[in-house]
N, C-alpha and C. Protein backbone atom coordinates (compact mmCIF):
# COMPACT_ATOMS: atom_id res chain seq x y z
N MET A 1 75.43 -28.29 51.29
CA MET A 1 76.13 -27.19 50.69
C MET A 1 76.49 -27.55 49.26
N SER A 2 76.10 -26.72 48.32
CA SER A 2 76.35 -26.98 46.91
C SER A 2 77.51 -26.12 46.41
N ILE A 3 78.41 -26.74 45.70
CA ILE A 3 79.54 -26.02 45.13
C ILE A 3 79.41 -26.07 43.61
N ASN A 4 79.43 -24.92 43.00
CA ASN A 4 79.33 -24.86 41.55
C ASN A 4 80.70 -25.16 40.95
N THR A 5 80.83 -26.30 40.29
CA THR A 5 82.10 -26.68 39.70
C THR A 5 82.13 -26.42 38.20
N VAL A 6 81.04 -25.88 37.67
CA VAL A 6 80.97 -25.62 36.24
C VAL A 6 81.52 -24.22 35.96
N ASP A 7 82.59 -24.16 35.19
CA ASP A 7 83.15 -22.87 34.78
C ASP A 7 82.23 -22.28 33.72
N LYS A 8 81.91 -21.03 33.85
CA LYS A 8 81.04 -20.37 32.88
C LYS A 8 81.90 -19.45 32.03
N PRO A 9 82.44 -19.98 30.91
CA PRO A 9 83.34 -19.18 30.10
C PRO A 9 82.72 -17.89 29.60
N GLU A 10 81.39 -17.90 29.38
CA GLU A 10 80.76 -16.67 28.90
C GLU A 10 80.92 -15.54 29.93
N ASP A 11 80.96 -15.87 31.23
CA ASP A 11 81.18 -14.86 32.25
C ASP A 11 82.60 -14.30 32.16
N LYS A 12 83.58 -15.16 31.96
CA LYS A 12 84.96 -14.70 31.83
C LYS A 12 85.14 -13.87 30.56
N ARG A 13 84.51 -14.32 29.48
CA ARG A 13 84.61 -13.55 28.23
C ARG A 13 84.00 -12.17 28.41
N GLU A 14 82.89 -12.12 29.13
CA GLU A 14 82.24 -10.82 29.36
C GLU A 14 83.11 -9.93 30.25
N LYS A 15 83.73 -10.51 31.27
CA LYS A 15 84.63 -9.73 32.12
C LYS A 15 85.81 -9.20 31.32
N LEU A 16 86.36 -10.04 30.45
CA LEU A 16 87.47 -9.61 29.60
C LEU A 16 87.03 -8.48 28.67
N ARG A 17 85.84 -8.60 28.11
CA ARG A 17 85.31 -7.55 27.24
C ARG A 17 85.17 -6.24 28.00
N LEU A 18 84.68 -6.31 29.24
CA LEU A 18 84.50 -5.10 30.05
C LEU A 18 85.84 -4.48 30.44
N LEU A 19 86.84 -5.32 30.74
CA LEU A 19 88.18 -4.79 31.04
C LEU A 19 88.73 -4.03 29.83
N ARG A 20 88.61 -4.64 28.67
CA ARG A 20 89.10 -4.00 27.44
C ARG A 20 88.31 -2.72 27.15
N GLU A 21 87.02 -2.77 27.34
CA GLU A 21 86.15 -1.60 27.09
C GLU A 21 86.57 -0.42 27.98
N PHE A 22 86.98 -0.71 29.21
CA PHE A 22 87.42 0.32 30.14
C PHE A 22 88.62 1.09 29.57
N HIS A 23 89.51 0.38 28.89
CA HIS A 23 90.73 0.99 28.35
C HIS A 23 90.60 1.41 26.89
N LYS A 24 89.45 1.20 26.30
CA LYS A 24 89.23 1.50 24.88
C LYS A 24 89.62 2.94 24.51
N PRO A 25 89.25 3.97 25.30
CA PRO A 25 89.65 5.33 24.92
C PRO A 25 91.17 5.52 24.82
N VAL A 26 91.91 4.81 25.64
CA VAL A 26 93.37 4.90 25.60
C VAL A 26 93.88 4.26 24.30
N PHE A 27 93.39 3.07 23.99
CA PHE A 27 93.83 2.40 22.77
C PHE A 27 93.50 3.24 21.53
N GLU A 28 92.33 3.85 21.53
CA GLU A 28 91.95 4.69 20.40
C GLU A 28 92.83 5.93 20.32
N ALA A 29 93.14 6.54 21.48
CA ALA A 29 93.99 7.73 21.50
C ALA A 29 95.40 7.40 21.02
N LEU A 30 95.85 6.18 21.29
CA LEU A 30 97.17 5.75 20.86
C LEU A 30 97.19 5.30 19.40
N GLY A 31 96.00 5.21 18.80
CA GLY A 31 95.91 4.77 17.41
C GLY A 31 96.04 3.27 17.23
N ILE A 32 95.76 2.52 18.29
CA ILE A 32 95.84 1.05 18.22
C ILE A 32 94.56 0.44 18.82
N PRO A 33 93.42 0.63 18.14
CA PRO A 33 92.17 0.13 18.70
C PRO A 33 92.15 -1.39 18.90
N ASP A 34 92.99 -2.11 18.13
CA ASP A 34 93.05 -3.57 18.25
C ASP A 34 94.30 -4.02 19.01
N ALA A 35 94.74 -3.20 19.96
CA ALA A 35 95.94 -3.51 20.74
C ALA A 35 95.82 -4.89 21.38
N LEU A 36 96.94 -5.56 21.50
CA LEU A 36 96.97 -6.86 22.19
C LEU A 36 96.84 -6.58 23.68
N PHE A 37 95.69 -6.90 24.25
CA PHE A 37 95.37 -6.62 25.65
C PHE A 37 95.15 -7.94 26.36
N ILE A 38 96.01 -8.23 27.35
CA ILE A 38 95.92 -9.49 28.08
C ILE A 38 96.07 -9.20 29.57
N PRO A 39 94.97 -9.20 30.33
CA PRO A 39 95.06 -8.99 31.78
C PRO A 39 95.86 -10.13 32.42
N LYS A 40 96.71 -9.78 33.38
CA LYS A 40 97.56 -10.77 34.05
C LYS A 40 97.66 -10.48 35.54
N LEU A 41 97.91 -11.53 36.30
CA LEU A 41 98.14 -11.41 37.73
C LEU A 41 99.60 -11.06 37.97
N ALA A 42 99.86 -10.05 38.77
CA ALA A 42 101.23 -9.72 39.18
C ALA A 42 101.46 -10.44 40.50
N TYR A 43 102.48 -11.28 40.54
CA TYR A 43 102.76 -12.05 41.74
C TYR A 43 104.26 -12.28 41.86
N LYS A 44 104.70 -12.73 43.02
CA LYS A 44 106.12 -13.01 43.24
C LYS A 44 106.33 -14.52 43.06
N PRO A 45 106.87 -14.92 41.90
CA PRO A 45 107.11 -16.35 41.66
C PRO A 45 108.17 -16.91 42.59
N ALA A 46 108.10 -18.19 42.84
CA ALA A 46 109.10 -18.86 43.68
C ALA A 46 110.48 -18.64 43.08
N GLY A 47 111.42 -18.26 43.92
CA GLY A 47 112.79 -18.06 43.48
C GLY A 47 113.08 -16.67 42.95
N MET A 48 112.07 -15.81 42.85
CA MET A 48 112.29 -14.44 42.38
C MET A 48 112.11 -13.49 43.56
N THR A 49 112.80 -12.37 43.50
CA THR A 49 112.72 -11.40 44.58
C THR A 49 111.75 -10.27 44.27
N GLU A 50 111.24 -10.24 43.04
CA GLU A 50 110.33 -9.17 42.67
C GLU A 50 109.10 -9.75 41.98
N LYS A 51 108.05 -8.95 41.91
CA LYS A 51 106.82 -9.38 41.26
C LYS A 51 107.04 -9.49 39.75
N ALA A 52 106.27 -10.40 39.16
CA ALA A 52 106.34 -10.62 37.72
C ALA A 52 104.94 -10.95 37.20
N VAL A 53 104.80 -10.89 35.90
CA VAL A 53 103.61 -11.39 35.23
C VAL A 53 104.08 -12.52 34.33
N ALA A 54 103.22 -13.50 34.10
CA ALA A 54 103.59 -14.66 33.30
C ALA A 54 102.81 -14.64 31.99
N TYR A 55 103.54 -14.48 30.89
CA TYR A 55 102.91 -14.52 29.57
C TYR A 55 103.16 -15.88 28.95
N PHE A 56 102.13 -16.46 28.36
CA PHE A 56 102.27 -17.73 27.67
C PHE A 56 103.22 -17.54 26.48
N ALA A 57 103.94 -18.60 26.15
CA ALA A 57 104.86 -18.55 25.01
C ALA A 57 104.12 -18.11 23.75
N SER A 58 102.89 -18.57 23.58
CA SER A 58 102.11 -18.20 22.39
C SER A 58 101.78 -16.70 22.37
N GLU A 59 101.61 -16.09 23.54
CA GLU A 59 101.34 -14.65 23.61
C GLU A 59 102.58 -13.85 23.23
N MET A 60 103.73 -14.27 23.72
CA MET A 60 104.98 -13.58 23.41
C MET A 60 105.34 -13.74 21.94
N ALA A 61 105.04 -14.90 21.37
CA ALA A 61 105.40 -15.20 19.99
C ALA A 61 104.63 -14.36 18.98
N LYS A 62 103.61 -13.65 19.42
CA LYS A 62 102.85 -12.79 18.50
C LYS A 62 103.68 -11.62 18.00
N GLY A 63 104.78 -11.33 18.71
CA GLY A 63 105.69 -10.28 18.25
C GLY A 63 105.13 -8.88 18.39
N GLN A 64 104.29 -8.65 19.39
CA GLN A 64 103.66 -7.35 19.59
C GLN A 64 103.86 -6.87 21.02
N ASP A 65 103.72 -5.54 21.20
CA ASP A 65 103.63 -5.01 22.55
C ASP A 65 102.37 -5.61 23.18
N ILE A 66 102.43 -5.88 24.48
CA ILE A 66 101.27 -6.43 25.18
C ILE A 66 100.83 -5.42 26.24
N TYR A 67 99.57 -5.05 26.19
CA TYR A 67 98.98 -4.15 27.18
C TYR A 67 98.29 -5.03 28.22
N THR A 68 98.41 -4.62 29.48
CA THR A 68 97.84 -5.43 30.54
C THR A 68 97.32 -4.58 31.69
N GLU A 69 96.36 -5.13 32.35
CA GLU A 69 95.87 -4.60 33.63
C GLU A 69 96.02 -5.76 34.60
N PHE A 70 96.39 -5.47 35.83
CA PHE A 70 96.55 -6.55 36.80
C PHE A 70 95.18 -7.08 37.20
N ALA A 71 94.97 -8.38 36.94
CA ALA A 71 93.70 -9.03 37.24
C ALA A 71 93.98 -10.48 37.61
N ASP A 72 93.04 -11.08 38.32
CA ASP A 72 93.22 -12.49 38.69
C ASP A 72 92.77 -13.39 37.54
N SER A 73 92.78 -14.69 37.77
CA SER A 73 92.44 -15.65 36.71
C SER A 73 90.98 -15.56 36.28
N GLU A 74 90.15 -14.94 37.10
CA GLU A 74 88.73 -14.75 36.74
C GLU A 74 88.49 -13.38 36.11
N TYR A 75 89.57 -12.65 35.84
CA TYR A 75 89.53 -11.31 35.26
C TYR A 75 88.88 -10.27 36.17
N ASP A 76 89.05 -10.46 37.46
CA ASP A 76 88.63 -9.45 38.42
C ASP A 76 89.83 -8.54 38.65
N PRO A 77 89.68 -7.21 38.47
CA PRO A 77 90.81 -6.30 38.65
C PRO A 77 91.42 -6.42 40.04
N GLN A 78 92.74 -6.38 40.09
CA GLN A 78 93.47 -6.50 41.35
C GLN A 78 94.09 -5.17 41.78
N ASP A 79 93.83 -4.12 41.01
CA ASP A 79 94.39 -2.80 41.28
C ASP A 79 93.23 -1.81 41.32
N SER A 80 93.04 -1.18 42.47
CA SER A 80 91.90 -0.26 42.61
C SER A 80 91.99 0.93 41.65
N GLU A 81 93.20 1.26 41.18
CA GLU A 81 93.36 2.38 40.26
C GLU A 81 93.19 1.97 38.80
N ARG A 82 93.07 0.66 38.53
CA ARG A 82 92.86 0.15 37.16
C ARG A 82 93.92 0.65 36.20
N ARG A 83 95.19 0.61 36.64
CA ARG A 83 96.29 1.08 35.79
C ARG A 83 96.47 0.17 34.57
N LEU A 84 96.86 0.80 33.48
CA LEU A 84 97.14 0.09 32.23
C LEU A 84 98.65 0.12 32.00
N TYR A 85 99.24 -1.05 31.77
CA TYR A 85 100.67 -1.18 31.54
C TYR A 85 100.93 -1.72 30.14
N LYS A 86 102.17 -1.52 29.70
CA LYS A 86 102.58 -2.08 28.41
C LYS A 86 103.91 -2.78 28.59
N TRP A 87 104.00 -3.99 28.03
CA TRP A 87 105.27 -4.68 27.90
C TRP A 87 105.71 -4.46 26.47
N ARG A 88 106.85 -3.80 26.32
CA ARG A 88 107.40 -3.56 24.98
C ARG A 88 107.99 -4.86 24.46
N PHE A 89 107.54 -5.26 23.27
CA PHE A 89 108.02 -6.51 22.70
C PHE A 89 109.54 -6.50 22.63
N ASN A 90 110.14 -7.60 23.03
CA ASN A 90 111.58 -7.77 23.06
C ASN A 90 111.90 -9.01 22.22
N HIS A 91 112.59 -8.81 21.12
CA HIS A 91 112.92 -9.92 20.23
C HIS A 91 113.74 -11.00 20.93
N ASN A 92 114.41 -10.64 22.00
CA ASN A 92 115.26 -11.59 22.72
C ASN A 92 114.56 -12.20 23.94
N TYR A 93 113.24 -12.20 23.92
CA TYR A 93 112.52 -12.66 25.11
C TYR A 93 112.87 -14.09 25.49
N LYS A 94 113.17 -14.94 24.54
CA LYS A 94 113.47 -16.34 24.86
C LYS A 94 114.76 -16.48 25.67
N GLU A 95 115.70 -15.57 25.45
CA GLU A 95 116.97 -15.62 26.17
C GLU A 95 116.93 -14.81 27.46
N GLU A 96 116.12 -13.76 27.49
CA GLU A 96 116.19 -12.81 28.61
C GLU A 96 115.20 -13.08 29.74
N TYR A 97 114.16 -13.86 29.48
CA TYR A 97 113.16 -14.10 30.52
C TYR A 97 113.17 -15.56 30.93
N GLN A 98 112.87 -15.76 32.19
CA GLN A 98 112.82 -17.11 32.74
C GLN A 98 111.60 -17.83 32.17
N LEU A 99 111.82 -19.04 31.67
CA LEU A 99 110.74 -19.87 31.15
C LEU A 99 110.34 -20.86 32.23
N VAL A 100 109.04 -20.92 32.53
CA VAL A 100 108.55 -21.86 33.53
C VAL A 100 107.52 -22.77 32.87
N GLU A 101 107.45 -24.00 33.35
CA GLU A 101 106.53 -24.98 32.80
C GLU A 101 105.62 -25.49 33.90
N SER A 102 104.35 -25.61 33.58
CA SER A 102 103.39 -26.16 34.53
C SER A 102 102.36 -26.95 33.73
N SER A 103 102.28 -28.22 34.00
CA SER A 103 101.32 -29.12 33.33
C SER A 103 101.43 -29.03 31.80
N GLY A 104 102.64 -28.95 31.31
CA GLY A 104 102.86 -28.91 29.86
C GLY A 104 102.66 -27.55 29.22
N THR A 105 102.38 -26.54 30.02
CA THR A 105 102.18 -25.18 29.52
C THR A 105 103.41 -24.35 29.86
N PHE A 106 103.91 -23.60 28.87
CA PHE A 106 105.12 -22.80 29.06
C PHE A 106 104.77 -21.32 29.12
N ARG A 107 105.36 -20.65 30.11
CA ARG A 107 105.15 -19.21 30.28
C ARG A 107 106.49 -18.54 30.56
N TYR A 108 106.59 -17.28 30.13
CA TYR A 108 107.77 -16.47 30.41
C TYR A 108 107.44 -15.47 31.51
N LEU A 109 108.35 -15.34 32.47
CA LEU A 109 108.15 -14.42 33.59
C LEU A 109 108.77 -13.06 33.25
N VAL A 110 107.94 -12.03 33.21
CA VAL A 110 108.40 -10.67 32.93
C VAL A 110 108.29 -9.87 34.23
N PRO A 111 109.40 -9.34 34.72
CA PRO A 111 109.35 -8.54 35.95
C PRO A 111 108.44 -7.33 35.77
N VAL A 112 107.62 -7.04 36.77
CA VAL A 112 106.72 -5.89 36.73
C VAL A 112 107.52 -4.61 36.51
N ALA A 113 108.75 -4.56 37.01
CA ALA A 113 109.58 -3.37 36.85
C ALA A 113 109.86 -3.05 35.38
N GLU A 114 109.70 -4.03 34.49
CA GLU A 114 109.93 -3.79 33.06
C GLU A 114 108.69 -3.27 32.35
N LEU A 115 107.56 -3.31 33.01
CA LEU A 115 106.34 -2.81 32.38
C LEU A 115 106.35 -1.29 32.42
N VAL A 116 105.76 -0.70 31.41
CA VAL A 116 105.66 0.75 31.32
C VAL A 116 104.23 1.15 31.68
N LEU A 117 104.10 2.08 32.60
CA LEU A 117 102.79 2.57 32.98
C LEU A 117 102.28 3.49 31.88
N VAL A 118 101.16 3.14 31.29
CA VAL A 118 100.58 3.93 30.21
C VAL A 118 99.53 4.88 30.74
N LYS A 119 98.71 4.40 31.67
CA LYS A 119 97.62 5.22 32.19
C LYS A 119 97.27 4.78 33.60
N THR A 120 96.97 5.76 34.42
CA THR A 120 96.48 5.48 35.76
C THR A 120 95.18 6.23 35.95
N ASN A 121 94.38 5.78 36.86
CA ASN A 121 93.11 6.44 37.17
C ASN A 121 93.12 7.01 38.57
N SER A 122 94.33 7.26 39.08
CA SER A 122 94.43 7.83 40.42
C SER A 122 94.27 9.34 40.33
N PRO A 123 94.05 9.99 41.45
CA PRO A 123 93.95 11.45 41.45
C PRO A 123 95.27 12.12 41.05
N ASP A 124 96.41 11.41 41.20
CA ASP A 124 97.68 11.99 40.80
C ASP A 124 97.65 12.24 39.30
N ILE A 125 98.17 13.36 38.90
CA ILE A 125 98.10 13.74 37.50
C ILE A 125 99.26 13.11 36.73
N LEU A 126 99.04 11.91 36.19
CA LEU A 126 99.95 11.32 35.23
C LEU A 126 99.32 11.38 33.85
N VAL A 127 98.02 11.46 33.84
CA VAL A 127 97.28 11.50 32.58
C VAL A 127 96.24 12.61 32.69
N GLU A 128 96.18 13.47 31.68
CA GLU A 128 95.14 14.49 31.63
C GLU A 128 94.00 13.95 30.78
N GLN A 129 92.80 14.06 31.30
CA GLN A 129 91.64 13.65 30.53
C GLN A 129 90.72 14.85 30.40
N ALA A 130 90.26 15.11 29.20
CA ALA A 130 89.33 16.20 28.98
C ALA A 130 88.23 15.72 28.06
N ALA A 131 87.00 15.85 28.50
CA ALA A 131 85.88 15.45 27.66
C ALA A 131 85.50 16.60 26.75
N THR A 132 85.42 16.31 25.46
CA THR A 132 85.02 17.34 24.50
C THR A 132 84.00 16.74 23.54
N LYS A 133 82.78 17.20 23.66
CA LYS A 133 81.69 16.77 22.77
C LYS A 133 81.61 15.25 22.66
N GLY A 134 81.67 14.58 23.78
CA GLY A 134 81.52 13.13 23.79
C GLY A 134 82.80 12.37 23.48
N ASN A 135 83.84 13.03 23.01
CA ASN A 135 85.11 12.37 22.74
C ASN A 135 86.04 12.61 23.91
N ILE A 136 86.90 11.66 24.15
CA ILE A 136 87.88 11.83 25.22
C ILE A 136 89.23 12.02 24.55
N GLN A 137 89.89 13.12 24.88
CA GLN A 137 91.23 13.36 24.38
C GLN A 137 92.18 13.05 25.53
N LEU A 138 93.20 12.30 25.25
CA LEU A 138 94.13 11.91 26.29
C LEU A 138 95.52 12.43 25.99
N LYS A 139 96.16 12.95 27.00
CA LYS A 139 97.58 13.25 26.90
C LYS A 139 98.25 12.16 27.72
N LEU A 140 98.95 11.28 27.03
CA LEU A 140 99.51 10.11 27.69
C LEU A 140 101.00 10.28 27.91
N GLU A 141 101.45 9.88 29.08
CA GLU A 141 102.86 9.86 29.40
C GLU A 141 103.22 8.43 29.72
N GLU A 142 104.37 8.00 29.26
CA GLU A 142 104.87 6.71 29.68
C GLU A 142 105.85 6.96 30.82
N VAL A 143 105.58 6.33 31.93
CA VAL A 143 106.46 6.45 33.07
C VAL A 143 106.81 5.05 33.55
N SER A 144 107.89 4.92 34.24
CA SER A 144 108.30 3.62 34.73
C SER A 144 107.22 3.05 35.65
N ALA A 145 107.06 1.75 35.61
CA ALA A 145 106.05 1.09 36.43
C ALA A 145 106.41 1.12 37.91
N THR A 146 107.67 1.37 38.21
CA THR A 146 108.10 1.48 39.60
C THR A 146 108.81 2.81 39.77
N PRO A 147 108.76 3.38 40.96
CA PRO A 147 109.43 4.66 41.16
C PRO A 147 110.92 4.56 40.86
N GLN A 148 111.44 5.58 40.19
CA GLN A 148 112.86 5.59 39.89
C GLN A 148 113.60 6.21 41.06
N ARG A 149 114.76 5.67 41.33
CA ARG A 149 115.60 6.22 42.38
C ARG A 149 116.51 7.26 41.77
N GLU A 150 116.95 8.20 42.61
CA GLU A 150 117.91 9.18 42.12
C GLU A 150 119.19 8.49 41.72
N ASP A 151 119.59 7.48 42.46
CA ASP A 151 120.82 6.79 42.18
C ASP A 151 120.68 5.37 42.70
N LEU A 152 121.45 4.49 42.16
CA LEU A 152 121.44 3.10 42.57
C LEU A 152 122.69 2.84 43.39
N SER A 153 122.50 2.40 44.63
CA SER A 153 123.68 2.07 45.42
C SER A 153 124.16 0.69 45.00
N LEU A 154 125.42 0.43 45.17
CA LEU A 154 125.99 -0.84 44.74
C LEU A 154 125.30 -2.02 45.42
N LYS A 155 124.90 -1.84 46.68
CA LYS A 155 124.24 -2.95 47.38
C LYS A 155 122.87 -3.26 46.79
N ASP A 156 122.27 -2.31 46.04
CA ASP A 156 120.96 -2.54 45.42
C ASP A 156 121.07 -3.01 43.97
N ALA A 157 122.28 -3.05 43.44
CA ALA A 157 122.48 -3.46 42.05
C ALA A 157 122.42 -4.98 41.94
N SER A 158 121.73 -5.45 40.93
CA SER A 158 121.69 -6.88 40.69
C SER A 158 122.88 -7.26 39.82
N LEU A 159 123.13 -8.56 39.71
CA LEU A 159 124.20 -9.01 38.82
C LEU A 159 123.91 -8.58 37.38
N ARG A 160 122.64 -8.58 37.01
CA ARG A 160 122.25 -8.16 35.66
C ARG A 160 122.59 -6.67 35.47
N ASP A 161 122.36 -5.83 36.49
CA ASP A 161 122.69 -4.41 36.40
C ASP A 161 124.19 -4.23 36.18
N ILE A 162 124.97 -4.97 36.95
CA ILE A 162 126.43 -4.86 36.85
C ILE A 162 126.90 -5.35 35.47
N ALA A 163 126.31 -6.45 35.00
CA ALA A 163 126.66 -6.96 33.67
C ALA A 163 126.32 -5.93 32.60
N ALA A 164 125.18 -5.29 32.72
CA ALA A 164 124.78 -4.26 31.75
C ALA A 164 125.81 -3.15 31.70
N ILE A 165 126.27 -2.73 32.85
CA ILE A 165 127.26 -1.65 32.91
C ILE A 165 128.59 -2.11 32.33
N LEU A 166 129.05 -3.29 32.72
CA LEU A 166 130.34 -3.79 32.24
C LEU A 166 130.32 -4.10 30.74
N TRP A 167 129.22 -4.67 30.27
CA TRP A 167 129.11 -5.03 28.85
C TRP A 167 128.74 -3.84 27.98
N LYS A 168 128.31 -2.74 28.65
CA LYS A 168 127.85 -1.55 27.93
C LYS A 168 126.67 -1.89 27.02
N LYS A 169 125.79 -2.74 27.55
CA LYS A 169 124.60 -3.18 26.81
C LYS A 169 123.37 -3.03 27.71
N PRO A 170 122.24 -2.60 27.16
CA PRO A 170 121.03 -2.39 27.96
C PRO A 170 120.29 -3.70 28.26
N VAL A 171 120.86 -4.51 29.15
CA VAL A 171 120.26 -5.80 29.50
C VAL A 171 119.73 -5.83 30.93
N SER A 172 119.72 -4.69 31.60
CA SER A 172 119.23 -4.63 32.97
C SER A 172 117.71 -4.80 32.99
N ASN A 173 117.17 -5.24 34.11
CA ASN A 173 115.72 -5.28 34.28
C ASN A 173 115.18 -3.91 34.69
N LYS A 174 116.08 -2.96 34.89
CA LYS A 174 115.68 -1.60 35.26
C LYS A 174 115.79 -0.72 34.03
N LYS A 175 114.65 -0.24 33.56
CA LYS A 175 114.61 0.56 32.33
C LYS A 175 115.53 1.77 32.42
N TRP A 176 115.55 2.43 33.56
CA TRP A 176 116.35 3.65 33.66
C TRP A 176 117.84 3.36 33.57
N VAL A 177 118.28 2.19 34.04
CA VAL A 177 119.69 1.82 33.89
C VAL A 177 119.99 1.61 32.41
N ASN A 178 119.09 0.90 31.72
CA ASN A 178 119.26 0.68 30.27
C ASN A 178 119.29 2.01 29.52
N ASP A 179 118.40 2.94 29.89
CA ASP A 179 118.37 4.25 29.23
C ASP A 179 119.68 4.99 29.41
N LEU A 180 120.26 4.92 30.61
CA LEU A 180 121.55 5.57 30.85
C LEU A 180 122.64 4.96 29.98
N ILE A 181 122.64 3.66 29.86
CA ILE A 181 123.65 2.97 29.04
C ILE A 181 123.51 3.37 27.58
N VAL A 182 122.29 3.39 27.08
CA VAL A 182 122.05 3.76 25.68
C VAL A 182 122.51 5.19 25.43
N LYS A 183 122.15 6.10 26.33
CA LYS A 183 122.55 7.51 26.17
C LYS A 183 124.06 7.67 26.25
N ALA A 184 124.72 6.94 27.11
CA ALA A 184 126.14 7.08 27.31
C ALA A 184 126.95 6.57 26.11
N TYR A 185 126.40 5.60 25.39
CA TYR A 185 127.17 4.99 24.31
C TYR A 185 126.54 5.20 22.94
N GLU A 186 125.77 6.27 22.78
CA GLU A 186 125.17 6.59 21.47
C GLU A 186 126.22 7.05 20.50
């Protein structure tokens, strides 16, 4: 039995190119054809109760929004709907996200709940697509990456949620809680 131990980077580069090509109409519609696009695996890290993606410190330091599709380390899509998400750059990422180290490499864990859904390819209408003379026009909506609840019960609130409310600062990992705080104290 032969095991191929040679990594073929050209295959990974080609997969990455194809992933980006799939989302190219969205990037063009948003006016950011050179958007920072980094596919990542969404997983539940040890010690966390929710899924996260791990961005390298060098990726976060670019100071840009990061667009991502959930994919494994070989750039094989892990989501049948091929959803595109965006992490909005946060200047305070060094203080607000958990830093993990593995073999001398540092990564920041960003909860999936903080990602913004930019586009989905499901039959549900979150995005309208209309082909016109070979061009694709997109009406894009940003919606939370996780379903929003009508209300948050106290037993479901994290310490971060409570701190956000008490401090009157949008530091929650739940975008909708932060939005409420911002609106309440404008």
